[in-house]
Amino acid sequence: MRYSIVLHKDPGSDYGVTVPDLPGCFTSGETVKDALTQAVEAIECYLEGLLLDSEPIPTPKNIAFHQNDPDYADGVWETVSVDLSALNR
């Protein structure tokens, strides 16, 4: 599954990552590469929690769906792949 993420960075800080399709799912990394790796881990943890609670996994929306949201106006968009088969069910 591919999730859209938005990267944001303030001067003197790490790269922050928000996952718009998963409310409250966010992380950070010192570099862009690290932030992308941390994003996959955060999404996996979030989805594992949903599975443990027998909640449905939200269907990810594409970047175009979120781009006009003012909360993400200053961010840089990426997508990351998450392998659902690797999650504990």
PDB file of N, CA and C in Angstrom:
ATOM      1  N   MET A   1       0.842  -1.162   0.000  1.00  0.00           N
ATOM      2  CA  MET A   1       0.000   0.000   0.000  1.00  0.00           C
ATOM      3  C   MET A   1       0.895   1.236   0.000  1.00  0.00           C
ATOM      4  N   ARG A   2       0.518   2.245  -0.755  1.00  0.00           N
ATOM      5  CA  ARG A   2       1.305   3.480  -0.821  1.00  0.00           C
ATOM      6  C   ARG A   2       0.549   4.597  -0.103  1.00  0.00           C
ATOM      7  N   TYR A   3       1.251   5.223   0.843  1.00  0.00           N
ATOM      8  CA  TYR A   3       0.668   6.337   1.588  1.00  0.00           C
ATOM      9  C   TYR A   3       1.361   7.638   1.215  1.00  0.00           C
ATOM     10  N   SER A   4       0.565   8.679   1.053  1.00  0.00           N
ATOM     11  CA  SER A   4       1.099  10.020   0.821  1.00  0.00           C
ATOM     12  C   SER A   4       1.576  10.576   2.156  1.00  0.00           C
ATOM     13  N   ILE A   5       2.727  11.210   2.124  1.00  0.00           N
ATOM     14  CA  ILE A   5       3.241  11.866   3.322  1.00  0.00           C
ATOM     15  C   ILE A   5       3.685  13.270   2.940  1.00  0.00           C
ATOM     16  N   VAL A   6       3.747  14.126   3.928  1.00  0.00           N
ATOM     17  CA  VAL A   6       4.240  15.485   3.688  1.00  0.00           C
ATOM     18  C   VAL A   6       5.405  15.738   4.639  1.00  0.00           C
ATOM     19  N   LEU A   7       6.498  16.216   4.051  1.00  0.00           N
ATOM     20  CA  LEU A   7       7.704  16.558   4.806  1.00  0.00           C
ATOM     21  C   LEU A   7       7.724  18.064   5.038  1.00  0.00           C
ATOM     22  N   HIS A   8       8.118  18.444   6.227  1.00  0.00           N
ATOM     23  CA  HIS A   8       8.245  19.866   6.525  1.00  0.00           C
ATOM     24  C   HIS A   8       9.477  20.061   7.400  1.00  0.00           C
ATOM     25  N   LYS A   9      10.113  21.220   7.246  1.00  0.00           N
ATOM     26  CA  LYS A   9      11.337  21.473   8.003  1.00  0.00           C
ATOM     27  C   LYS A   9      11.429  22.948   8.337  1.00  0.00           C
ATOM     28  N   ASP A  10      11.631  23.202   9.622  1.00  0.00           N
ATOM     29  CA  ASP A  10      11.919  24.552  10.075  1.00  0.00           C
ATOM     30  C   ASP A  10      13.439  24.682  10.193  1.00  0.00           C
ATOM     31  N   PRO A  11      13.979  25.881  10.050  1.00  0.00           N
ATOM     32  CA  PRO A  11      15.427  26.052  10.190  1.00  0.00           C
ATOM     33  C   PRO A  11      15.913  25.509  11.543  1.00  0.00           C
ATOM     34  N   GLY A  12      17.012  24.774  11.505  1.00  0.00           N
ATOM     35  CA  GLY A  12      17.597  24.251  12.734  1.00  0.00           C
ATOM     36  C   GLY A  12      16.866  23.077  13.341  1.00  0.00           C
ATOM     37  N   SER A  13      15.977  22.444  12.574  1.00  0.00           N
ATOM     38  CA  SER A  13      15.216  21.307  13.109  1.00  0.00           C
ATOM     39  C   SER A  13      15.361  20.093  12.204  1.00  0.00           C
ATOM     40  N   ASP A  14      14.890  18.954  12.694  1.00  0.00           N
ATOM     41  CA  ASP A  14      14.822  17.752  11.873  1.00  0.00           C
ATOM     42  C   ASP A  14      13.688  17.895  10.866  1.00  0.00           C
ATOM     43  N   TYR A  15      13.617  16.964   9.921  1.00  0.00           N
ATOM     44  CA  TYR A  15      12.505  16.909   8.974  1.00  0.00           C
ATOM     45  C   TYR A  15      11.314  16.272   9.680  1.00  0.00           C
ATOM     46  N   GLY A  16      10.200  16.953   9.691  1.00  0.00           N
ATOM     47  CA  GLY A  16       8.974  16.409  10.257  1.00  0.00           C
ATOM     48  C   GLY A  16       8.185  15.722   9.159  1.00  0.00           C
ATOM     49  N   VAL A  17       7.445  14.677   9.529  1.00  0.00           N
ATOM     50  CA  VAL A  17       6.641  13.929   8.570  1.00  0.00           C
ATOM     51  C   VAL A  17       5.227  13.789   9.127  1.00  0.00           C
ATOM     52  N   THR A  18       4.246  14.089   8.301  1.00  0.00           N
ATOM     53  CA  THR A  18       2.841  13.905   8.648  1.00  0.00           C
ATOM     54  C   THR A  18       2.219  12.978   7.616  1.00  0.00           C
ATOM     55  N   VAL A  19       1.329  12.100   8.081  1.00  0.00           N
ATOM     56  CA  VAL A  19       0.611  11.176   7.195  1.00  0.00           C
ATOM     57  C   VAL A  19      -0.857  11.606   7.195  1.00  0.00           C
ATOM     58  N   PRO A  20      -1.282  12.382   6.199  1.00  0.00           N
ATOM     59  CA  PRO A  20      -2.636  12.929   6.209  1.00  0.00           C
ATOM     60  C   PRO A  20      -3.762  11.887   6.300  1.00  0.00           C
ATOM     61  N   ASP A  21      -3.560  10.706   5.752  1.00  0.00           N
ATOM     62  CA  ASP A  21      -4.618   9.687   5.780  1.00  0.00           C
ATOM     63  C   ASP A  21      -4.748   8.992   7.133  1.00  0.00           C
ATOM     64  N   LEU A  22      -3.790   9.223   8.025  1.00  0.00           N
ATOM     65  CA  LEU A  22      -3.786   8.557   9.329  1.00  0.00           C
ATOM     66  C   LEU A  22      -3.671   9.622  10.419  1.00  0.00           C
ATOM     67  N   PRO A  23      -4.799  10.138  10.897  1.00  0.00           N
ATOM     68  CA  PRO A  23      -4.780  11.228  11.880  1.00  0.00           C
ATOM     69  C   PRO A  23      -3.925  10.888  13.098  1.00  0.00           C
ATOM     70  N   GLY A  24      -3.023  11.799  13.423  1.00  0.00           N
ATOM     71  CA  GLY A  24      -2.149  11.610  14.565  1.00  0.00           C
ATOM     72  C   GLY A  24      -0.888  10.817  14.266  1.00  0.00           C
ATOM     73  N   CYS A  25      -0.710  10.388  13.027  1.00  0.00           N
ATOM     74  CA  CYS A  25       0.482   9.633  12.649  1.00  0.00           C
ATOM     75  C   CYS A  25       1.519  10.613  12.112  1.00  0.00           C
ATOM     76  N   PHE A  26       2.601  10.769  12.867  1.00  0.00           N
ATOM     77  CA  PHE A  26       3.668  11.664  12.455  1.00  0.00           C
ATOM     78  C   PHE A  26       4.975  11.157  13.024  1.00  0.00           C
ATOM     79  N   THR A  27       6.070  11.635  12.476  1.00  0.00           N
ATOM     80  CA  THR A  27       7.408  11.243  12.922  1.00  0.00           C
ATOM     81  C   THR A  27       8.390  12.288  12.438  1.00  0.00           C
ATOM     82  N   SER A  28       9.686  12.000  12.592  1.00  0.00           N
ATOM     83  CA  SER A  28      10.713  12.928  12.106  1.00  0.00           C
ATOM     84  C   SER A  28      11.992  12.161  11.811  1.00  0.00           C
ATOM     85  N   GLY A  29      12.929  12.838  11.162  1.00  0.00           N
ATOM     86  CA  GLY A  29      14.234  12.264  10.863  1.00  0.00           C
ATOM     87  C   GLY A  29      15.241  13.367  10.610  1.00  0.00           C
ATOM     88  N   GLU A  30      16.507  13.055  10.876  1.00  0.00           N
ATOM     89  CA  GLU A  30      17.567  14.054  10.691  1.00  0.00           C
ATOM     90  C   GLU A  30      17.791  14.401   9.231  1.00  0.00           C
ATOM     91  N   THR A  31      17.612  13.421   8.335  1.00  0.00           N
ATOM     92  CA  THR A  31      17.768  13.632   6.893  1.00  0.00           C
ATOM     93  C   THR A  31      16.462  13.231   6.205  1.00  0.00           C
ATOM     94  N   VAL A  32      16.337  13.567   4.938  1.00  0.00           N
ATOM     95  CA  VAL A  32      15.147  13.161   4.199  1.00  0.00           C
ATOM     96  C   VAL A  32      15.058  11.634   4.158  1.00  0.00           C
ATOM     97  N   LYS A  33      16.186  10.975   3.886  1.00  0.00           N
ATOM     98  CA  LYS A  33      16.189   9.511   3.836  1.00  0.00           C
ATOM     99  C   LYS A  33      15.746   8.923   5.172  1.00  0.00           C
ATOM    100  N   ASP A  34      16.275   9.447   6.254  1.00  0.00           N
ATOM    101  CA  ASP A  34      15.889   8.982   7.588  1.00  0.00           C
ATOM    102  C   ASP A  34      14.405   9.254   7.847  1.00  0.00           C
ATOM    103  N   ALA A  35      13.919  10.421   7.447  1.00  0.00           N
ATOM    104  CA  ALA A  35      12.507  10.767   7.644  1.00  0.00           C
ATOM    105  C   ALA A  35      11.599   9.799   6.881  1.00  0.00           C
ATOM    106  N   LEU A  36      11.991   9.417   5.673  1.00  0.00           N
ATOM    107  CA  LEU A  36      11.195   8.469   4.890  1.00  0.00           C
ATOM    108  C   LEU A  36      11.180   7.092   5.556  1.00  0.00           C
ATOM    109  N   THR A  37      12.327   6.670   6.064  1.00  0.00           N
ATOM    110  CA  THR A  37      12.400   5.383   6.774  1.00  0.00           C
ATOM    111  C   THR A  37      11.530   5.423   8.028  1.00  0.00           C
ATOM    112  N   GLN A  38      11.626   6.509   8.770  1.00  0.00           N
ATOM    113  CA  GLN A  38      10.822   6.656   9.986  1.00  0.00           C
ATOM    114  C   GLN A  38       9.332   6.728   9.662  1.00  0.00           C
ATOM    115  N   ALA A  39       8.985   7.298   8.510  1.00  0.00           N
ATOM    116  CA  ALA A  39       7.577   7.379   8.104  1.00  0.00           C
ATOM    117  C   ALA A  39       6.994   5.990   7.903  1.00  0.00           C
ATOM    118  N   VAL A  40       7.739   5.112   7.237  1.00  0.00           N
ATOM    119  CA  VAL A  40       7.268   3.735   7.025  1.00  0.00           C
ATOM    120  C   VAL A  40       7.056   3.052   8.377  1.00  0.00           C
ATOM    121  N   GLU A  41       8.003   3.219   9.280  1.00  0.00           N
ATOM    122  CA  GLU A  41       7.889   2.598  10.606  1.00  0.00           C
ATOM    123  C   GLU A  41       6.677   3.144  11.375  1.00  0.00           C
ATOM    124  N   ALA A  42       6.464   4.456  11.312  1.00  0.00           N
ATOM    125  CA  ALA A  42       5.326   5.059  12.007  1.00  0.00           C
ATOM    126  C   ALA A  42       4.005   4.564  11.430  1.00  0.00           C
ATOM    127  N   ILE A  43       3.927   4.461  10.113  1.00  0.00           N
ATOM    128  CA  ILE A  43       2.701   3.966   9.474  1.00  0.00           C
ATOM    129  C   ILE A  43       2.455   2.518   9.867  1.00  0.00           C
ATOM    130  N   GLU A  44       3.506   1.691   9.852  1.00  0.00           N
ATOM    131  CA  GLU A  44       3.348   0.291  10.239  1.00  0.00           C
ATOM    132  C   GLU A  44       2.840   0.167  11.671  1.00  0.00           C
ATOM    133  N   CYS A  45       3.393   0.959  12.580  1.00  0.00           N
ATOM    134  CA  CYS A  45       2.943   0.926  13.983  1.00  0.00           C
ATOM    135  C   CYS A  45       1.487   1.367  14.100  1.00  0.00           C
ATOM    136  N   TYR A  46       1.133   2.404  13.378  1.00  0.00           N
ATOM    137  CA  TYR A  46      -0.240   2.919  13.396  1.00  0.00           C
ATOM    138  C   TYR A  46      -1.212   1.848  12.893  1.00  0.00           C
ATOM    139  N   LEU A  47      -0.866   1.236  11.766  1.00  0.00           N
ATOM    140  CA  LEU A  47      -1.752   0.226  11.180  1.00  0.00           C
ATOM    141  C   LEU A  47      -1.825  -1.019  12.058  1.00  0.00           C
ATOM    142  N   GLU A  48      -0.711  -1.388  12.680  1.00  0.00           N
ATOM    143  CA  GLU A  48      -0.725  -2.532  13.593  1.00  0.00           C
ATOM    144  C   GLU A  48      -1.679  -2.281  14.752  1.00  0.00           C
ATOM    145  N   GLY A  49      -1.671  -1.067  15.254  1.00  0.00           N
ATOM    146  CA  GLY A  49      -2.599  -0.696  16.327  1.00  0.00           C
ATOM    147  C   GLY A  49      -4.042  -0.824  15.888  1.00  0.00           C
ATOM    148  N   LEU A  50      -4.328  -0.400  14.661  1.00  0.00           N
ATOM    149  CA  LEU A  50      -5.695  -0.540  14.132  1.00  0.00           C
ATOM    150  C   LEU A  50      -6.088  -2.012  14.055  1.00  0.00           C
ATOM    151  N   LEU A  51      -5.171  -2.836  13.556  1.00  0.00           N
ATOM    152  CA  LEU A  51      -5.458  -4.269  13.436  1.00  0.00           C
ATOM    153  C   LEU A  51      -5.694  -4.901  14.804  1.00  0.00           C
ATOM    154  N   LEU A  52      -4.881  -4.533  15.785  1.00  0.00           N
ATOM    155  CA  LEU A  52      -5.049  -5.072  17.137  1.00  0.00           C
ATOM    156  C   LEU A  52      -6.393  -4.677  17.746  1.00  0.00           C
ATOM    157  N   ASP A  53      -6.872  -3.504  17.379  1.00  0.00           N
ATOM    158  CA  ASP A  53      -8.165  -3.013  17.872  1.00  0.00           C
ATOM    159  C   ASP A  53      -9.322  -3.415  16.963  1.00  0.00           C
ATOM    160  N   SER A  54      -9.037  -4.254  15.971  1.00  0.00           N
ATOM    161  CA  SER A  54     -10.045  -4.710  14.996  1.00  0.00           C
ATOM    162  C   SER A  54     -10.718  -3.551  14.266  1.00  0.00           C
ATOM    163  N   GLU A  55      -9.929  -2.510  14.017  1.00  0.00           N
ATOM    164  CA  GLU A  55     -10.412  -1.344  13.268  1.00  0.00           C
ATOM    165  C   GLU A  55     -10.031  -1.505  11.802  1.00  0.00           C
ATOM    166  N   PRO A  56     -10.810  -0.915  10.903  1.00  0.00           N
ATOM    167  CA  PRO A  56     -10.463  -1.009   9.475  1.00  0.00           C
ATOM    168  C   PRO A  56      -9.239  -0.154   9.143  1.00  0.00           C
ATOM    169  N   ILE A  57      -8.498  -0.597   8.162  1.00  0.00           N
ATOM    170  CA  ILE A  57      -7.345   0.162   7.676  1.00  0.00           C
ATOM    171  C   ILE A  57      -7.844   1.148   6.621  1.00  0.00           C
ATOM    172  N   PRO A  58      -7.586   2.450   6.841  1.00  0.00           N
ATOM    173  CA  PRO A  58      -8.049   3.448   5.873  1.00  0.00           C
ATOM    174  C   PRO A  58      -7.395   3.259   4.507  1.00  0.00           C
ATOM    175  N   THR A  59      -8.170   3.432   3.479  1.00  0.00           N
ATOM    176  CA  THR A  59      -7.644   3.387   2.121  1.00  0.00           C
ATOM    177  C   THR A  59      -6.879   4.687   1.864  1.00  0.00           C
ATOM    178  N   PRO A  60      -5.612   4.577   1.476  1.00  0.00           N
ATOM    179  CA  PRO A  60      -4.840   5.803   1.241  1.00  0.00           C
ATOM    180  C   PRO A  60      -5.353   6.564   0.019  1.00  0.00           C
ATOM    181  N   LYS A  61      -5.293   7.870   0.132  1.00  0.00           N
ATOM    182  CA  LYS A  61      -5.665   8.745  -0.979  1.00  0.00           C
ATOM    183  C   LYS A  61      -4.381   9.249  -1.635  1.00  0.00           C
ATOM    184  N   ASN A  62      -4.481   9.658  -2.883  1.00  0.00           N
ATOM    185  CA  ASN A  62      -3.283  10.129  -3.571  1.00  0.00           C
ATOM    186  C   ASN A  62      -2.948  11.563  -3.156  1.00  0.00           C
ATOM    187  N   ILE A  63      -1.766  11.989  -3.521  1.00  0.00           N
ATOM    188  CA  ILE A  63      -1.286  13.315  -3.144  1.00  0.00           C
ATOM    189  C   ILE A  63      -2.241  14.409  -3.609  1.00  0.00           C
ATOM    190  N   ALA A  64      -2.768  14.298  -4.799  1.00  0.00           N
ATOM    191  CA  ALA A  64      -3.651  15.332  -5.341  1.00  0.00           C
ATOM    192  C   ALA A  64      -4.853  15.589  -4.433  1.00  0.00           C
ATOM    193  N   PHE A  65      -5.332  14.566  -3.748  1.00  0.00           N
ATOM    194  CA  PHE A  65      -6.471  14.725  -2.840  1.00  0.00           C
ATOM    195  C   PHE A  65      -6.127  15.690  -1.702  1.00  0.00           C
ATOM    196  N   HIS A  66      -4.897  15.662  -1.224  1.00  0.00           N
ATOM    197  CA  HIS A  66      -4.495  16.435  -0.051  1.00  0.00           C
ATOM    198  C   HIS A  66      -3.816  17.766  -0.369  1.00  0.00           C
ATOM    199  N   GLN A  67      -3.340  17.954  -1.583  1.00  0.00           N
ATOM    200  CA  GLN A  67      -2.479  19.089  -1.900  1.00  0.00           C
ATOM    201  C   GLN A  67      -3.072  20.455  -1.597  1.00  0.00           C
ATOM    202  N   ASN A  68      -4.348  20.614  -1.677  1.00  0.00           N
ATOM    203  CA  ASN A  68      -4.948  21.930  -1.447  1.00  0.00           C
ATOM    204  C   ASN A  68      -5.286  22.196   0.012  1.00  0.00           C
ATOM    205  N   ASP A  69      -5.001  21.244   0.879  1.00  0.00           N
ATOM    206  CA  ASP A  69      -5.248  21.429   2.303  1.00  0.00           C
ATOM    207  C   ASP A  69      -4.246  22.440   2.849  1.00  0.00           C
ATOM    208  N   PRO A  70      -4.714  23.546   3.429  1.00  0.00           N
ATOM    209  CA  PRO A  70      -3.792  24.579   3.911  1.00  0.00           C
ATOM    210  C   PRO A  70      -2.858  24.097   5.026  1.00  0.00           C
ATOM    211  N   ASP A  71      -3.197  23.032   5.718  1.00  0.00           N
ATOM    212  CA  ASP A  71      -2.322  22.492   6.763  1.00  0.00           C
ATOM    213  C   ASP A  71      -0.998  21.993   6.199  1.00  0.00           C
ATOM    214  N   TYR A  72      -0.975  21.687   4.910  1.00  0.00           N
ATOM    215  CA  TYR A  72       0.219  21.125   4.290  1.00  0.00           C
ATOM    216  C   TYR A  72       0.819  22.035   3.235  1.00  0.00           C
ATOM    217  N   ALA A  73       0.460  23.304   3.259  1.00  0.00           N
ATOM    218  CA  ALA A  73       0.849  24.246   2.200  1.00  0.00           C
ATOM    219  C   ALA A  73       2.353  24.386   2.028  1.00  0.00           C
ATOM    220  N   ASP A  74       3.101  24.322   3.100  1.00  0.00           N
ATOM    221  CA  ASP A  74       4.549  24.537   3.004  1.00  0.00           C
ATOM    222  C   ASP A  74       5.330  23.233   2.940  1.00  0.00           C
ATOM    223  N   GLY A  75       4.655  22.112   2.783  1.00  0.00           N
ATOM    224  CA  GLY A  75       5.323  20.816   2.800  1.00  0.00           C
ATOM    225  C   GLY A  75       5.733  20.327   1.432  1.00  0.00           C
ATOM    226  N   VAL A  76       6.572  19.309   1.461  1.00  0.00           N
ATOM    227  CA  VAL A  76       7.015  18.615   0.250  1.00  0.00           C
ATOM    228  C   VAL A  76       6.389  17.228   0.292  1.00  0.00           C
ATOM    229  N   TRP A  77       5.753  16.837  -0.794  1.00  0.00           N
ATOM    230  CA  TRP A  77       5.016  15.577  -0.847  1.00  0.00           C
ATOM    231  C   TRP A  77       5.875  14.422  -1.332  1.00  0.00           C
ATOM    232  N   GLU A  78       5.664  13.273  -0.746  1.00  0.00           N
ATOM    233  CA  GLU A  78       6.296  12.014  -1.143  1.00  0.00           C
ATOM    234  C   GLU A  78       5.271  10.912  -0.931  1.00  0.00           C
ATOM    235  N   THR A  79       5.584   9.731  -1.420  1.00  0.00           N
ATOM    236  CA  THR A  79       4.792   8.549  -1.079  1.00  0.00           C
ATOM    237  C   THR A  79       5.753   7.485  -0.567  1.00  0.00           C
ATOM    238  N   VAL A  80       5.239   6.659   0.341  1.00  0.00           N
ATOM    239  CA  VAL A  80       6.029   5.540   0.860  1.00  0.00           C
ATOM    240  C   VAL A  80       5.188   4.279   0.755  1.00  0.00           C
ATOM    241  N   SER A  81       5.859   3.159   0.558  1.00  0.00           N
ATOM    242  CA  SER A  81       5.188   1.859   0.466  1.00  0.00           C
ATOM    243  C   SER A  81       5.251   1.156   1.801  1.00  0.00           C
ATOM    244  N   VAL A  82       4.113   0.551   2.157  1.00  0.00           N
ATOM    245  CA  VAL A  82       4.017  -0.223   3.382  1.00  0.00           C
ATOM    246  C   VAL A  82       3.488  -1.598   3.000  1.00  0.00           C
ATOM    247  N   ASP A  83       4.189  -2.638   3.452  1.00  0.00           N
ATOM    248  CA  ASP A  83       3.800  -4.015   3.165  1.00  0.00           C
ATOM    249  C   ASP A  83       2.879  -4.514   4.272  1.00  0.00           C
ATOM    250  N   LEU A  84       1.592  -4.575   4.011  1.00  0.00           N
ATOM    251  CA  LEU A  84       0.624  -4.999   5.024  1.00  0.00           C
ATOM    252  C   LEU A  84       0.814  -6.451   5.426  1.00  0.00           C
ATOM    253  N   SER A  85       1.355  -7.255   4.549  1.00  0.00           N
ATOM    254  CA  SER A  85       1.540  -8.670   4.876  1.00  0.00           C
ATOM    255  C   SER A  85       2.588  -8.862   5.980  1.00  0.00           C
ATOM    256  N   ALA A  86       3.425  -7.858   6.194  1.00  0.00           N
ATOM    257  CA  ALA A  86       4.458  -7.950   7.221  1.00  0.00           C
ATOM    258  C   ALA A  86       3.933  -7.602   8.616  1.00  0.00           C
ATOM    259  N   LEU A  87       2.716  -7.074   8.669  1.00  0.00           N
ATOM    260  CA  LEU A  87       2.152  -6.662   9.964  1.00  0.00           C
ATOM    261  C   LEU A  87       1.552  -7.860  10.689  1.00  0.00           C
ATOM    262  N   ASN A  88       1.636  -7.812  12.012  1.00  0.00           N
ATOM    263  CA  ASN A  88       1.018  -8.872  12.828  1.00  0.00           C
ATOM    264  C   ASN A  88      -0.499  -8.746  12.758  1.00  0.00           C
ATOM    265  N   ARG A  89      -1.138  -9.826  12.433  1.00  0.00           N
ATOM    266  CA  ARG A  89      -2.607  -9.789  12.326  1.00  0.00           C
ATOM    267  C   ARG A  89      -3.224 -10.647  13.379  1.00  0.00           C
TER     268      ARG A  89
END
